[in-house]
């Protein structure tokens, strides 16, 4: 208990060094001004000399306060020059601080240096993870997809084999979409994503074609309604992953029934209409919807969820900035 109390007292005495110095500077300045004012009041010094002394005392006080503030200016300049892509961790070292830095300023520099070191480590691990995961996960998925395509063209493959191949293709497609979504969310920034203008209707049409192939044999009908057409400036890859997650979640909701994807002015909605009896219907909000929500939050796309009578579930994504199709 005594050791803890003494350490707290030591920290408290060190932490107030800066304030004590500032208080001493302004206290001495106030005392000097009072003395000079009394000298002028009792005619000890002429008025011109009194005014000159007041100016000199004020300038000296300002210089002393500025000198005490120099460690803060140093930290501000280091922070302004900080680049997380090329971090200079040596600039945060305490020996780089101004010579008259107080203990609390040195503690602040030490804490900011530790925080910068952790940020640099996070960025390095992010780059290594996204690079390794992109290669190590995409390569086997590509091999699986190519092998499944070759097997589907095999004439001697029976009906059971064809169904197995379709399941492999469906699982590889879902795994590929999941890997793309996780890699997008794992990146701190949007570096590595191709930004361009793309037509929303065309991307959705491609996603529905892939989904129809993967849902072959399942009692789910996919429909596309296009009362509007618009374009976005962003990553078509991200938008494709978002649409696939919403379509996949809708298929989980319906199990059997109809999935209607509608392109509205500035929005896209995915409606799942289940044909299962209400007693057997299950409300599933799984991993796909969680990924879609995180992607929409990441790129400032508003995601709304609604449930209507008749076993209808609607997911609607609103886009704040859209472009006419003619400009893309």
C-alpha atoms as a PDB file:
ATOM      1  CA  UNK A   1       0.000   0.000   0.000  1.00  0.00           C
ATOM      2  CA  UNK A   2       2.849   2.382   0.843  1.00  0.00           C
ATOM      3  CA  UNK A   3       4.577   1.612  -2.469  1.00  0.00           C
ATOM      4  CA  UNK A   4       1.398   2.257  -4.432  1.00  0.00           C
ATOM      5  CA  UNK A   5       0.770   5.515  -2.609  1.00  0.00           C
ATOM      6  CA  UNK A   6       4.320   6.711  -3.173  1.00  0.00           C
ATOM      7  CA  UNK A   7       4.151   5.855  -6.877  1.00  0.00           C
ATOM      8  CA  UNK A   8       0.862   7.708  -7.245  1.00  0.00           C
ATOM      9  CA  UNK A   9       2.363  10.728  -5.491  1.00  0.00           C
ATOM     10  CA  UNK A  10       5.380  10.611  -7.804  1.00  0.00           C
ATOM     11  CA  UNK A  11       3.181  10.428 -10.896  1.00  0.00           C
ATOM     12  CA  UNK A  12       1.046  13.285  -9.637  1.00  0.00           C
ATOM     13  CA  UNK A  13       4.086  15.474  -8.987  1.00  0.00           C
ATOM     14  CA  UNK A  14       5.495  14.715 -12.436  1.00  0.00           C
ATOM     15  CA  UNK A  15       2.182  15.242 -14.198  1.00  0.00           C
ATOM     16  CA  UNK A  16       1.823  18.829 -12.929  1.00  0.00           C
ATOM     17  CA  UNK A  17       5.273  20.040 -14.029  1.00  0.00           C
ATOM     18  CA  UNK A  18       3.974  21.818 -17.113  1.00  0.00           C
ATOM     19  CA  UNK A  19       1.222  23.610 -15.201  1.00  0.00           C
ATOM     20  CA  UNK A  20       3.632  24.689 -12.459  1.00  0.00           C
ATOM     21  CA  UNK A  21       5.993  26.176 -15.023  1.00  0.00           C
ATOM     22  CA  UNK A  22       3.216  28.082 -16.760  1.00  0.00           C
ATOM     23  CA  UNK A  23       1.909  29.309 -13.384  1.00  0.00           C
ATOM     24  CA  UNK A  24       5.439  30.444 -12.426  1.00  0.00           C
ATOM     25  CA  UNK A  25       5.865  32.351 -15.712  1.00  0.00           C
ATOM     26  CA  UNK A  26       2.586  34.226 -15.405  1.00  0.00           C
ATOM     27  CA  UNK A  27       3.104  34.774 -11.685  1.00  0.00           C
ATOM     28  CA  UNK A  28       6.504  36.404 -12.255  1.00  0.00           C
ATOM     29  CA  UNK A  29       5.055  38.432 -15.127  1.00  0.00           C
ATOM     30  CA  UNK A  30       2.220  39.666 -12.917  1.00  0.00           C
ATOM     31  CA  UNK A  31       4.637  40.549 -10.110  1.00  0.00           C
ATOM     32  CA  UNK A  32       6.885  42.470 -12.516  1.00  0.00           C
ATOM     33  CA  UNK A  33       3.935  44.391 -13.927  1.00  0.00           C
ATOM     34  CA  UNK A  34       2.775  45.331 -10.434  1.00  0.00           C
ATOM     35  CA  UNK A  35       6.253  46.595  -9.516  1.00  0.00           C
ATOM     36  CA  UNK A  36       6.533  48.614 -12.725  1.00  0.00           C
ATOM     37  CA  UNK A  37       3.058  50.062 -12.189  1.00  0.00           C
ATOM     38  CA  UNK A  38       3.975  51.128  -8.646  1.00  0.00           C
ATOM     39  CA  UNK A  39       7.171  52.715  -9.958  1.00  0.00           C
ATOM     40  CA  UNK A  40       5.120  54.735 -12.404  1.00  0.00           C
ATOM     41  CA  UNK A  41       2.484  55.638  -9.793  1.00  0.00           C
ATOM     42  CA  UNK A  42       5.095  57.016  -7.325  1.00  0.00           C
ATOM     43  CA  UNK A  43       7.123  58.751 -10.033  1.00  0.00           C
ATOM     44  CA  UNK A  44      10.124  56.513  -9.445  1.00  0.00           C
ATOM     45  CA  UNK A  45      10.449  56.058 -13.226  1.00  0.00           C
ATOM     46  CA  UNK A  46       9.192  58.241 -16.094  1.00  0.00           C
ATOM     47  CA  UNK A  47       6.098  57.191 -18.039  1.00  0.00           C
ATOM     48  CA  UNK A  48       8.077  56.237 -21.154  1.00  0.00           C
ATOM     49  CA  UNK A  49      10.335  53.916 -19.185  1.00  0.00           C
ATOM     50  CA  UNK A  50       7.330  52.325 -17.480  1.00  0.00           C
ATOM     51  CA  UNK A  51       5.661  51.626 -20.825  1.00  0.00           C
ATOM     52  CA  UNK A  52       8.899  50.217 -22.229  1.00  0.00           C
ATOM     53  CA  UNK A  53       9.263  47.910 -19.215  1.00  0.00           C
ATOM     54  CA  UNK A  54       5.669  46.734 -19.603  1.00  0.00           C
ATOM     55  CA  UNK A  55       6.321  45.836 -23.248  1.00  0.00           C
ATOM     56  CA  UNK A  56       9.599  44.088 -22.406  1.00  0.00           C
ATOM     57  CA  UNK A  57       8.003  42.081 -19.577  1.00  0.00           C
ATOM     58  CA  UNK A  58       5.084  41.047 -21.812  1.00  0.00           C
ATOM     59  CA  UNK A  59       7.430  39.939 -24.605  1.00  0.00           C
ATOM     60  CA  UNK A  60       9.598  37.970 -22.185  1.00  0.00           C
ATOM     61  CA  UNK A  61       6.523  36.264 -20.722  1.00  0.00           C
ATOM     62  CA  UNK A  62       5.294  35.360 -24.189  1.00  0.00           C
ATOM     63  CA  UNK A  63       8.704  33.918 -25.170  1.00  0.00           C
ATOM     64  CA  UNK A  64       8.895  31.876 -21.970  1.00  0.00           C
ATOM     65  CA  UNK A  65       5.357  30.486 -22.494  1.00  0.00           C
ATOM     66  CA  UNK A  66       6.172  29.703 -26.129  1.00  0.00           C
ATOM     67  CA  UNK A  67       9.288  27.831 -25.040  1.00  0.00           C
ATOM     68  CA  UNK A  68       7.220  25.723 -22.677  1.00  0.00           C
ATOM     69  CA  UNK A  69       4.747  25.057 -25.499  1.00  0.00           C
ATOM     70  CA  UNK A  70       7.483  23.898 -27.922  1.00  0.00           C
ATOM     71  CA  UNK A  71       7.094  20.159 -27.017  1.00  0.00           C
ATOM     72  CA  UNK A  72       3.424  20.355 -28.004  1.00  0.00           C
ATOM     73  CA  UNK A  73       4.375  21.994 -31.316  1.00  0.00           C
ATOM     74  CA  UNK A  74       6.863  19.178 -31.878  1.00  0.00           C
ATOM     75  CA  UNK A  75       4.216  16.500 -31.326  1.00  0.00           C
ATOM     76  CA  UNK A  76       1.781  18.320 -33.621  1.00  0.00           C
ATOM     77  CA  UNK A  77       4.369  18.514 -36.411  1.00  0.00           C
ATOM     78  CA  UNK A  78       5.187  14.801 -36.049  1.00  0.00           C
ATOM     79  CA  UNK A  79       1.487  13.943 -36.129  1.00  0.00           C
ATOM     80  CA  UNK A  80       0.917  16.036 -39.266  1.00  0.00           C
ATOM     81  CA  UNK A  81       3.793  14.302 -41.033  1.00  0.00           C
ATOM     82  CA  UNK A  82       2.661  10.822 -40.031  1.00  0.00           C
ATOM     83  CA  UNK A  83       2.002   8.497 -42.958  1.00  0.00           C
ATOM     84  CA  UNK A  84       0.574   5.098 -42.037  1.00  0.00           C
ATOM     85  CA  UNK A  85       1.784   3.655 -45.357  1.00  0.00           C
ATOM     86  CA  UNK A  86       5.389   4.699 -44.561  1.00  0.00           C
ATOM     87  CA  UNK A  87       5.479   5.018 -40.765  1.00  0.00           C
ATOM     88  CA  UNK A  88       8.518   6.676 -39.191  1.00  0.00           C
ATOM     89  CA  UNK A  89       8.396   5.283 -35.673  1.00  0.00           C
ATOM     90  CA  UNK A  90      11.708   6.916 -34.752  1.00  0.00           C
ATOM     91  CA  UNK A  91      10.114  10.371 -34.794  1.00  0.00           C
ATOM     92  CA  UNK A  92       8.159   9.463 -31.650  1.00  0.00           C
ATOM     93  CA  UNK A  93      11.250   8.614 -29.585  1.00  0.00           C
ATOM     94  CA  UNK A  94      11.682  10.677 -26.452  1.00  0.00           C
ATOM     95  CA  UNK A  95      15.226  11.735 -27.335  1.00  0.00           C
ATOM     96  CA  UNK A  96      13.732  13.577 -30.337  1.00  0.00           C
ATOM     97  CA  UNK A  97      11.722  15.800 -27.999  1.00  0.00           C
ATOM     98  CA  UNK A  98      12.900  19.365 -27.249  1.00  0.00           C
ATOM     99  CA  UNK A  99      15.496  19.538 -24.490  1.00  0.00           C
ATOM    100  CA  UNK A 100      13.294  21.311 -21.929  1.00  0.00           C
ATOM    101  CA  UNK A 101      10.344  18.931 -22.357  1.00  0.00           C
ATOM    102  CA  UNK A 102       8.562  18.151 -19.119  1.00  0.00           C
ATOM    103  CA  UNK A 103       7.936  14.636 -17.896  1.00  0.00           C
ATOM    104  CA  UNK A 104       4.249  14.740 -18.819  1.00  0.00           C
ATOM    105  CA  UNK A 105       5.140  15.772 -22.408  1.00  0.00           C
ATOM    106  CA  UNK A 106       7.593  12.884 -22.612  1.00  0.00           C
ATOM    107  CA  UNK A 107       4.937  10.500 -21.304  1.00  0.00           C
ATOM    108  CA  UNK A 108       2.528  11.811 -23.947  1.00  0.00           C
ATOM    109  CA  UNK A 109       5.150  11.241 -26.668  1.00  0.00           C
ATOM    110  CA  UNK A 110       5.793   7.733 -25.326  1.00  0.00           C
ATOM    111  CA  UNK A 111       2.092   6.874 -25.367  1.00  0.00           C
ATOM    112  CA  UNK A 112       1.606   8.229 -28.886  1.00  0.00           C
ATOM    113  CA  UNK A 113       4.668   6.304 -30.044  1.00  0.00           C
ATOM    114  CA  UNK A 114       3.291   3.056 -28.617  1.00  0.00           C
ATOM    115  CA  UNK A 115      -0.053   3.721 -30.286  1.00  0.00           C
ATOM    116  CA  UNK A 116       1.678   4.439 -33.614  1.00  0.00           C
ATOM    117  CA  UNK A 117       3.641   1.200 -33.285  1.00  0.00           C
ATOM    118  CA  UNK A 118       0.429  -0.761 -32.775  1.00  0.00           C
ATOM    119  CA  UNK A 119      -1.214   0.930 -35.779  1.00  0.00           C
ATOM    120  CA  UNK A 120       1.813   0.118 -37.946  1.00  0.00           C
ATOM    121  CA  UNK A 121       1.646  -3.504 -36.774  1.00  0.00           C
ATOM    122  CA  UNK A 122      -2.068  -3.711 -37.579  1.00  0.00           C
ATOM    123  CA  UNK A 123      -1.493  -2.343 -41.074  1.00  0.00           C
ATOM    124  CA  UNK A 124       1.350  -4.775 -41.705  1.00  0.00           C
ATOM    125  CA  UNK A 125      -0.728  -7.752 -40.540  1.00  0.00           C
ATOM    126  CA  UNK A 126      -3.650  -6.547 -42.671  1.00  0.00           C
ATOM    127  CA  UNK A 127      -1.506  -6.416 -45.796  1.00  0.00           C
ATOM    128  CA  UNK A 128       0.023  -9.818 -45.090  1.00  0.00           C
ATOM    129  CA  UNK A 129      -3.344 -11.410 -44.347  1.00  0.00           C
ATOM    130  CA  UNK A 130      -5.128 -10.041 -47.411  1.00  0.00           C
ATOM    131  CA  UNK A 131      -2.189 -10.953 -49.656  1.00  0.00           C
ATOM    132  CA  UNK A 132      -1.798 -14.501 -48.314  1.00  0.00           C
ATOM    133  CA  UNK A 133      -5.522 -15.172 -48.039  1.00  0.00           C
ATOM    134  CA  UNK A 134      -6.146 -13.863 -51.532  1.00  0.00           C
ATOM    135  CA  UNK A 135      -3.619 -16.281 -52.990  1.00  0.00           C
ATOM    136  CA  UNK A 136      -4.032 -19.307 -50.728  1.00  0.00           C
ATOM    137  CA  UNK A 137      -7.839 -19.319 -50.840  1.00  0.00           C
ATOM    138  CA  UNK A 138      -8.525 -18.259 -54.405  1.00  0.00           C
ATOM    139  CA  UNK A 139      -6.097 -20.729 -55.974  1.00  0.00           C
ATOM    140  CA  UNK A 140      -7.735 -23.934 -54.646  1.00  0.00           C
ATOM    141  CA  UNK A 141     -11.195 -22.508 -55.358  1.00  0.00           C
ATOM    142  CA  UNK A 142     -10.169 -21.926 -58.962  1.00  0.00           C
ATOM    143  CA  UNK A 143      -8.929 -25.516 -59.219  1.00  0.00           C
ATOM    144  CA  UNK A 144     -12.191 -26.830 -57.743  1.00  0.00           C
ATOM    145  CA  UNK A 145     -14.255 -24.742 -60.157  1.00  0.00           C
ATOM    146  CA  UNK A 146     -12.266 -25.883 -63.193  1.00  0.00           C
ATOM    147  CA  UNK A 147     -12.437 -29.516 -62.101  1.00  0.00           C
ATOM    148  CA  UNK A 148     -16.187 -29.279 -61.539  1.00  0.00           C
ATOM    149  CA  UNK A 149     -16.672 -27.775 -65.010  1.00  0.00           C
ATOM    150  CA  UNK A 150     -14.662 -30.609 -66.538  1.00  0.00           C
ATOM    151  CA  UNK A 151     -16.664 -33.217 -64.628  1.00  0.00           C
ATOM    152  CA  UNK A 152     -19.980 -31.676 -65.695  1.00  0.00           C
ATOM    153  CA  UNK A 153     -18.984 -32.209 -69.350  1.00  0.00           C
ATOM    154  CA  UNK A 154     -18.230 -35.883 -68.750  1.00  0.00           C
ATOM    155  CA  UNK A 155     -20.745 -37.949 -70.709  1.00  0.00           C
ATOM    156  CA  UNK A 156     -20.314 -41.103 -68.614  1.00  0.00           C
ATOM    157  CA  UNK A 157     -21.304 -39.291 -65.427  1.00  0.00           C
ATOM    158  CA  UNK A 158     -24.640 -40.486 -64.108  1.00  0.00           C
ATOM    159  CA  UNK A 159     -27.510 -38.499 -62.669  1.00  0.00           C
ATOM    160  CA  UNK A 160     -26.236 -38.819 -59.132  1.00  0.00           C
ATOM    161  CA  UNK A 161     -22.788 -37.675 -60.245  1.00  0.00           C
ATOM    162  CA  UNK A 162     -24.270 -34.670 -62.031  1.00  0.00           C
ATOM    163  CA  UNK A 163     -26.127 -33.647 -58.878  1.00  0.00           C
ATOM    164  CA  UNK A 164     -22.902 -34.003 -56.886  1.00  0.00           C
ATOM    165  CA  UNK A 165     -21.041 -31.849 -59.395  1.00  0.00           C
ATOM    166  CA  UNK A 166     -23.752 -29.189 -59.157  1.00  0.00           C
ATOM    167  CA  UNK A 167     -23.438 -29.199 -55.384  1.00  0.00           C
ATOM    168  CA  UNK A 168     -19.660 -28.810 -55.686  1.00  0.00           C
ATOM    169  CA  UNK A 169     -20.086 -25.899 -58.082  1.00  0.00           C
ATOM    170  CA  UNK A 170     -22.651 -24.273 -55.823  1.00  0.00           C
ATOM    171  CA  UNK A 171     -20.444 -24.672 -52.752  1.00  0.00           C
ATOM    172  CA  UNK A 172     -17.347 -23.342 -54.568  1.00  0.00           C
ATOM    173  CA  UNK A 173     -19.322 -20.331 -55.838  1.00  0.00           C
ATOM    174  CA  UNK A 174     -20.626 -19.568 -52.371  1.00  0.00           C
ATOM    175  CA  UNK A 175     -17.170 -20.043 -50.875  1.00  0.00           C
ATOM    176  CA  UNK A 176     -15.684 -17.715 -53.487  1.00  0.00           C
ATOM    177  CA  UNK A 177     -18.252 -15.029 -52.727  1.00  0.00           C
ATOM    178  CA  UNK A 178     -17.588 -15.439 -49.006  1.00  0.00           C
ATOM    179  CA  UNK A 179     -13.831 -15.093 -49.503  1.00  0.00           C
ATOM    180  CA  UNK A 180     -14.332 -11.934 -51.581  1.00  0.00           C
ATOM    181  CA  UNK A 181     -16.613 -10.451 -48.910  1.00  0.00           C
ATOM    182  CA  UNK A 182     -14.218 -11.224 -46.068  1.00  0.00           C
ATOM    183  CA  UNK A 183     -11.244  -9.809 -47.961  1.00  0.00           C
ATOM    184  CA  UNK A 184     -13.179  -6.612 -48.665  1.00  0.00           C
ATOM    185  CA  UNK A 185     -14.108  -6.228 -45.008  1.00  0.00           C
ATOM    186  CA  UNK A 186     -10.586  -7.131 -43.835  1.00  0.00           C
ATOM    187  CA  UNK A 187      -9.052  -4.178 -45.668  1.00  0.00           C
ATOM    188  CA  UNK A 188      -8.796  -1.006 -43.605  1.00  0.00           C
ATOM    189  CA  UNK A 189      -8.865   1.120 -46.753  1.00  0.00           C
ATOM    190  CA  UNK A 190     -10.295   0.651 -50.234  1.00  0.00           C
ATOM    191  CA  UNK A 191      -6.852   0.157 -51.795  1.00  0.00           C
ATOM    192  CA  UNK A 192      -6.824  -2.710 -54.261  1.00  0.00           C
ATOM    193  CA  UNK A 193     -10.452  -2.237 -55.310  1.00  0.00           C
ATOM    194  CA  UNK A 194     -11.111  -1.118 -58.867  1.00  0.00           C
ATOM    195  CA  UNK A 195     -13.246   2.030 -58.797  1.00  0.00           C
ATOM    196  CA  UNK A 196     -15.248   2.719 -61.941  1.00  0.00           C
ATOM    197  CA  UNK A 197     -18.687   3.645 -63.195  1.00  0.00           C
ATOM    198  CA  UNK A 198     -20.900   0.608 -63.738  1.00  0.00           C
ATOM    199  CA  UNK A 199     -24.553  -0.026 -64.522  1.00  0.00           C
ATOM    200  CA  UNK A 200     -26.335  -1.615 -61.586  1.00  0.00           C
ATOM    201  CA  UNK A 201     -28.798  -3.511 -63.811  1.00  0.00           C
ATOM    202  CA  UNK A 202     -26.025  -5.292 -65.707  1.00  0.00           C
ATOM    203  CA  UNK A 203     -24.254  -6.473 -62.575  1.00  0.00           C
ATOM    204  CA  UNK A 204     -27.505  -7.768 -61.076  1.00  0.00           C
ATOM    205  CA  UNK A 205     -28.344  -9.565 -64.315  1.00  0.00           C
ATOM    206  CA  UNK A 206     -25.011 -11.403 -64.223  1.00  0.00           C
ATOM    207  CA  UNK A 207     -25.479 -12.331 -60.583  1.00  0.00           C
ATOM    208  CA  UNK A 208     -28.944 -13.734 -61.295  1.00  0.00           C
ATOM    209  CA  UNK A 209     -27.607 -15.829 -64.189  1.00  0.00           C
ATOM    210  CA  UNK A 210     -24.986 -17.370 -61.906  1.00  0.00           C
ATOM    211  CA  UNK A 211     -27.580 -17.874 -59.174  1.00  0.00           C
ATOM    212  CA  UNK A 212     -29.949 -19.682 -61.585  1.00  0.00           C
ATOM    213  CA  UNK A 213     -27.187 -22.101 -62.520  1.00  0.00           C
ATOM    214  CA  UNK A 214     -26.393 -22.809 -58.897  1.00  0.00           C
ATOM    215  CA  UNK A 215     -30.067 -23.130 -57.895  1.00  0.00           C
ATOM    216  CA  UNK A 216     -30.769 -25.617 -60.668  1.00  0.00           C
ATOM    217  CA  UNK A 217     -32.972 -28.348 -59.280  1.00  0.00           C
ATOM    218  CA  UNK A 218     -34.127 -26.342 -56.269  1.00  0.00           C
ATOM    219  CA  UNK A 219     -37.778 -25.158 -56.078  1.00  0.00           C
ATOM    220  CA  UNK A 220     -36.833 -21.467 -56.206  1.00  0.00           C
ATOM    221  CA  UNK A 221     -37.688 -19.107 -59.064  1.00  0.00           C
ATOM    222  CA  UNK A 222     -35.593 -15.980 -59.646  1.00  0.00           C
ATOM    223  CA  UNK A 223     -37.174 -12.924 -61.257  1.00  0.00           C
ATOM    224  CA  UNK A 224     -35.776  -9.526 -62.237  1.00  0.00           C
ATOM    225  CA  UNK A 225     -37.877  -6.371 -62.469  1.00  0.00           C
ATOM    226  CA  UNK A 226     -36.336  -3.184 -63.853  1.00  0.00           C
ATOM    227  CA  UNK A 227     -38.645  -0.191 -63.518  1.00  0.00           C
ATOM    228  CA  UNK A 228     -35.490   1.955 -63.290  1.00  0.00           C
ATOM    229  CA  UNK A 229     -31.896   1.953 -64.523  1.00  0.00           C
ATOM    230  CA  UNK A 230     -29.008   3.786 -62.902  1.00  0.00           C
ATOM    231  CA  UNK A 231     -25.255   3.607 -62.485  1.00  0.00           C
ATOM    232  CA  UNK A 232     -22.856   3.932 -59.574  1.00  0.00           C
ATOM    233  CA  UNK A 233     -19.268   5.062 -59.202  1.00  0.00           C
ATOM    234  CA  UNK A 234     -17.495   2.511 -57.074  1.00  0.00           C
ATOM    235  CA  UNK A 235     -16.352  -1.072 -57.066  1.00  0.00           C
ATOM    236  CA  UNK A 236     -18.529  -3.440 -59.127  1.00  0.00           C
ATOM    237  CA  UNK A 237     -16.881  -6.287 -57.246  1.00  0.00           C
ATOM    238  CA  UNK A 238     -18.181  -4.972 -53.912  1.00  0.00           C
ATOM    239  CA  UNK A 239     -21.659  -4.398 -55.336  1.00  0.00           C
ATOM    240  CA  UNK A 240     -21.660  -7.903 -56.828  1.00  0.00           C
ATOM    241  CA  UNK A 241     -20.736  -9.455 -53.478  1.00  0.00           C
ATOM    242  CA  UNK A 242     -23.455  -7.434 -51.727  1.00  0.00           C
ATOM    243  CA  UNK A 243     -26.115  -8.549 -54.224  1.00  0.00           C
ATOM    244  CA  UNK A 244     -25.054 -12.173 -53.969  1.00  0.00           C
ATOM    245  CA  UNK A 245     -25.272 -12.123 -50.170  1.00  0.00           C
ATOM    246  CA  UNK A 246     -28.784 -10.640 -50.318  1.00  0.00           C
ATOM    247  CA  UNK A 247     -29.909 -13.173 -52.941  1.00  0.00           C
ATOM    248  CA  UNK A 248     -28.410 -16.028 -50.949  1.00  0.00           C
ATOM    249  CA  UNK A 249     -30.127 -14.829 -47.765  1.00  0.00           C
ATOM    250  CA  UNK A 250     -33.423 -14.573 -49.659  1.00  0.00           C
ATOM    251  CA  UNK A 251     -33.006 -18.173 -50.844  1.00  0.00           C
ATOM    252  CA  UNK A 252     -32.439 -19.242 -47.238  1.00  0.00           C
ATOM    253  CA  UNK A 253     -35.617 -17.410 -46.233  1.00  0.00           C
ATOM    254  CA  UNK A 254     -37.778 -18.904 -48.956  1.00  0.00           C
ATOM    255  CA  UNK A 255     -36.384 -22.477 -49.267  1.00  0.00           C
ATOM    256  CA  UNK A 256     -38.975 -22.796 -51.999  1.00  0.00           C
ATOM    257  CA  UNK A 257     -40.883 -20.010 -53.666  1.00  0.00           C
ATOM    258  CA  UNK A 258     -39.974 -16.873 -55.605  1.00  0.00           C
ATOM    259  CA  UNK A 259     -37.128 -14.382 -55.299  1.00  0.00           C
ATOM    260  CA  UNK A 260     -37.803 -11.017 -56.970  1.00  0.00           C
ATOM    261  CA  UNK A 261     -34.950  -8.562 -57.463  1.00  0.00           C
ATOM    262  CA  UNK A 262     -36.202  -5.068 -58.330  1.00  0.00           C
ATOM    263  CA  UNK A 263     -34.135  -2.103 -59.493  1.00  0.00           C
ATOM    264  CA  UNK A 264     -35.820   1.056 -58.198  1.00  0.00           C
ATOM    265  CA  UNK A 265     -34.743   4.692 -58.610  1.00  0.00           C
ATOM    266  CA  UNK A 266     -31.669   4.903 -56.389  1.00  0.00           C
ATOM    267  CA  UNK A 267     -32.315   1.556 -54.695  1.00  0.00           C
ATOM    268  CA  UNK A 268     -32.306  -2.216 -55.150  1.00  0.00           C
ATOM    269  CA  UNK A 269     -34.721  -4.524 -53.342  1.00  0.00           C
ATOM    270  CA  UNK A 270     -34.672  -8.298 -52.935  1.00  0.00           C
ATOM    271  CA  UNK A 271     -38.025  -9.882 -52.041  1.00  0.00           C
ATOM    272  CA  UNK A 272     -38.381 -13.504 -50.971  1.00  0.00           C
ATOM    273  CA  UNK A 273     -41.852 -14.985 -51.207  1.00  0.00           C
ATOM    274  CA  UNK A 274     -42.022 -18.438 -49.618  1.00  0.00           C
ATOM    275  CA  UNK A 275     -44.543 -21.053 -50.695  1.00  0.00           C
ATOM    276  CA  UNK A 276     -44.168 -23.037 -47.463  1.00  0.00           C
ATOM    277  CA  UNK A 277     -47.061 -23.074 -45.028  1.00  0.00           C
ATOM    278  CA  UNK A 278     -46.856 -20.417 -42.339  1.00  0.00           C
ATOM    279  CA  UNK A 279     -46.620 -23.110 -39.673  1.00  0.00           C
ATOM    280  CA  UNK A 280     -43.397 -24.432 -41.221  1.00  0.00           C
ATOM    281  CA  UNK A 281     -41.870 -21.093 -42.248  1.00  0.00           C
ATOM    282  CA  UNK A 282     -38.694 -20.088 -40.465  1.00  0.00           C
ATOM    283  CA  UNK A 283     -37.288 -16.566 -40.213  1.00  0.00           C
ATOM    284  CA  UNK A 284     -33.574 -16.992 -40.961  1.00  0.00           C
ATOM    285  CA  UNK A 285     -31.229 -14.011 -40.708  1.00  0.00           C
ATOM    286  CA  UNK A 286     -27.893 -15.699 -41.029  1.00  0.00           C
ATOM    287  CA  UNK A 287     -24.287 -15.018 -41.861  1.00  0.00           C
ATOM    288  CA  UNK A 288     -25.078 -13.730 -45.366  1.00  0.00           C
ATOM    289  CA  UNK A 289     -27.182 -10.883 -44.026  1.00  0.00           C
ATOM    290  CA  UNK A 290     -24.530  -9.984 -41.457  1.00  0.00           C
ATOM    291  CA  UNK A 291     -21.935  -9.652 -44.228  1.00  0.00           C
ATOM    292  CA  UNK A 292     -24.340  -7.598 -46.362  1.00  0.00           C
ATOM    293  CA  UNK A 293     -24.987  -5.271 -43.436  1.00  0.00           C
ATOM    294  CA  UNK A 294     -21.264  -4.755 -42.807  1.00  0.00           C
ATOM    295  CA  UNK A 295     -20.595  -4.058 -46.491  1.00  0.00           C
ATOM    296  CA  UNK A 296     -23.444  -1.542 -46.658  1.00  0.00           C
ATOM    297  CA  UNK A 297     -22.164   0.222 -43.542  1.00  0.00           C
ATOM    298  CA  UNK A 298     -18.619   0.242 -44.899  1.00  0.00           C
ATOM    299  CA  UNK A 299     -19.611   1.964 -48.155  1.00  0.00           C
ATOM    300  CA  UNK A 300     -22.439   4.157 -46.727  1.00  0.00           C
ATOM    301  CA  UNK A 301     -25.231   2.245 -48.473  1.00  0.00           C
ATOM    302  CA  UNK A 302     -28.382   2.157 -46.367  1.00  0.00           C
ATOM    303  CA  UNK A 303     -29.782  -1.351 -45.830  1.00  0.00           C
ATOM    304  CA  UNK A 304     -33.412  -1.765 -44.753  1.00  0.00           C
ATOM    305  CA  UNK A 305     -35.150  -4.997 -43.767  1.00  0.00           C
ATOM    306  CA  UNK A 306     -38.909  -5.519 -43.790  1.00  0.00           C
ATOM    307  CA  UNK A 307     -41.257  -8.430 -43.176  1.00  0.00           C
ATOM    308  CA  UNK A 308     -44.723  -8.375 -44.685  1.00  0.00           C
ATOM    309  CA  UNK A 309     -47.752 -10.580 -44.423  1.00  0.00           C
ATOM    310  CA  UNK A 310     -47.798 -13.637 -46.599  1.00  0.00           C
ATOM    311  CA  UNK A 311     -44.270 -14.797 -45.689  1.00  0.00           C
ATOM    312  CA  UNK A 312     -42.603 -11.958 -47.614  1.00  0.00           C
ATOM    313  CA  UNK A 313     -39.181 -10.694 -46.578  1.00  0.00           C
ATOM    314  CA  UNK A 314     -37.691  -7.617 -48.244  1.00  0.00           C
ATOM    315  CA  UNK A 315     -34.121  -6.335 -48.147  1.00  0.00           C
ATOM    316  CA  UNK A 316     -33.699  -2.900 -49.716  1.00  0.00           C
ATOM    317  CA  UNK A 317     -30.405  -1.083 -50.315  1.00  0.00           C
ATOM    318  CA  UNK A 318     -30.489   2.670 -50.947  1.00  0.00           C
ATOM    319  CA  UNK A 319     -27.628   4.457 -52.693  1.00  0.00           C
ATOM    320  CA  UNK A 320     -27.165   8.151 -51.823  1.00  0.00           C
ATOM    321  CA  UNK A 321     -25.269   9.076 -55.003  1.00  0.00           C
ATOM    322  CA  UNK A 322     -26.382   7.590 -58.306  1.00  0.00           C
ATOM    323  CA  UNK A 323     -25.533   8.367 -61.922  1.00  0.00           C
ATOM    324  CA  UNK A 324     -27.634   8.232 -65.074  1.00  0.00           C
ATOM    325  CA  UNK A 325     -26.881   5.260 -67.279  1.00  0.00           C
ATOM    326  CA  UNK A 326     -25.964   7.486 -70.218  1.00  0.00           C
ATOM    327  CA  UNK A 327     -22.897   8.831 -68.365  1.00  0.00           C
ATOM    328  CA  UNK A 328     -21.345   5.422 -67.664  1.00  0.00           C
END
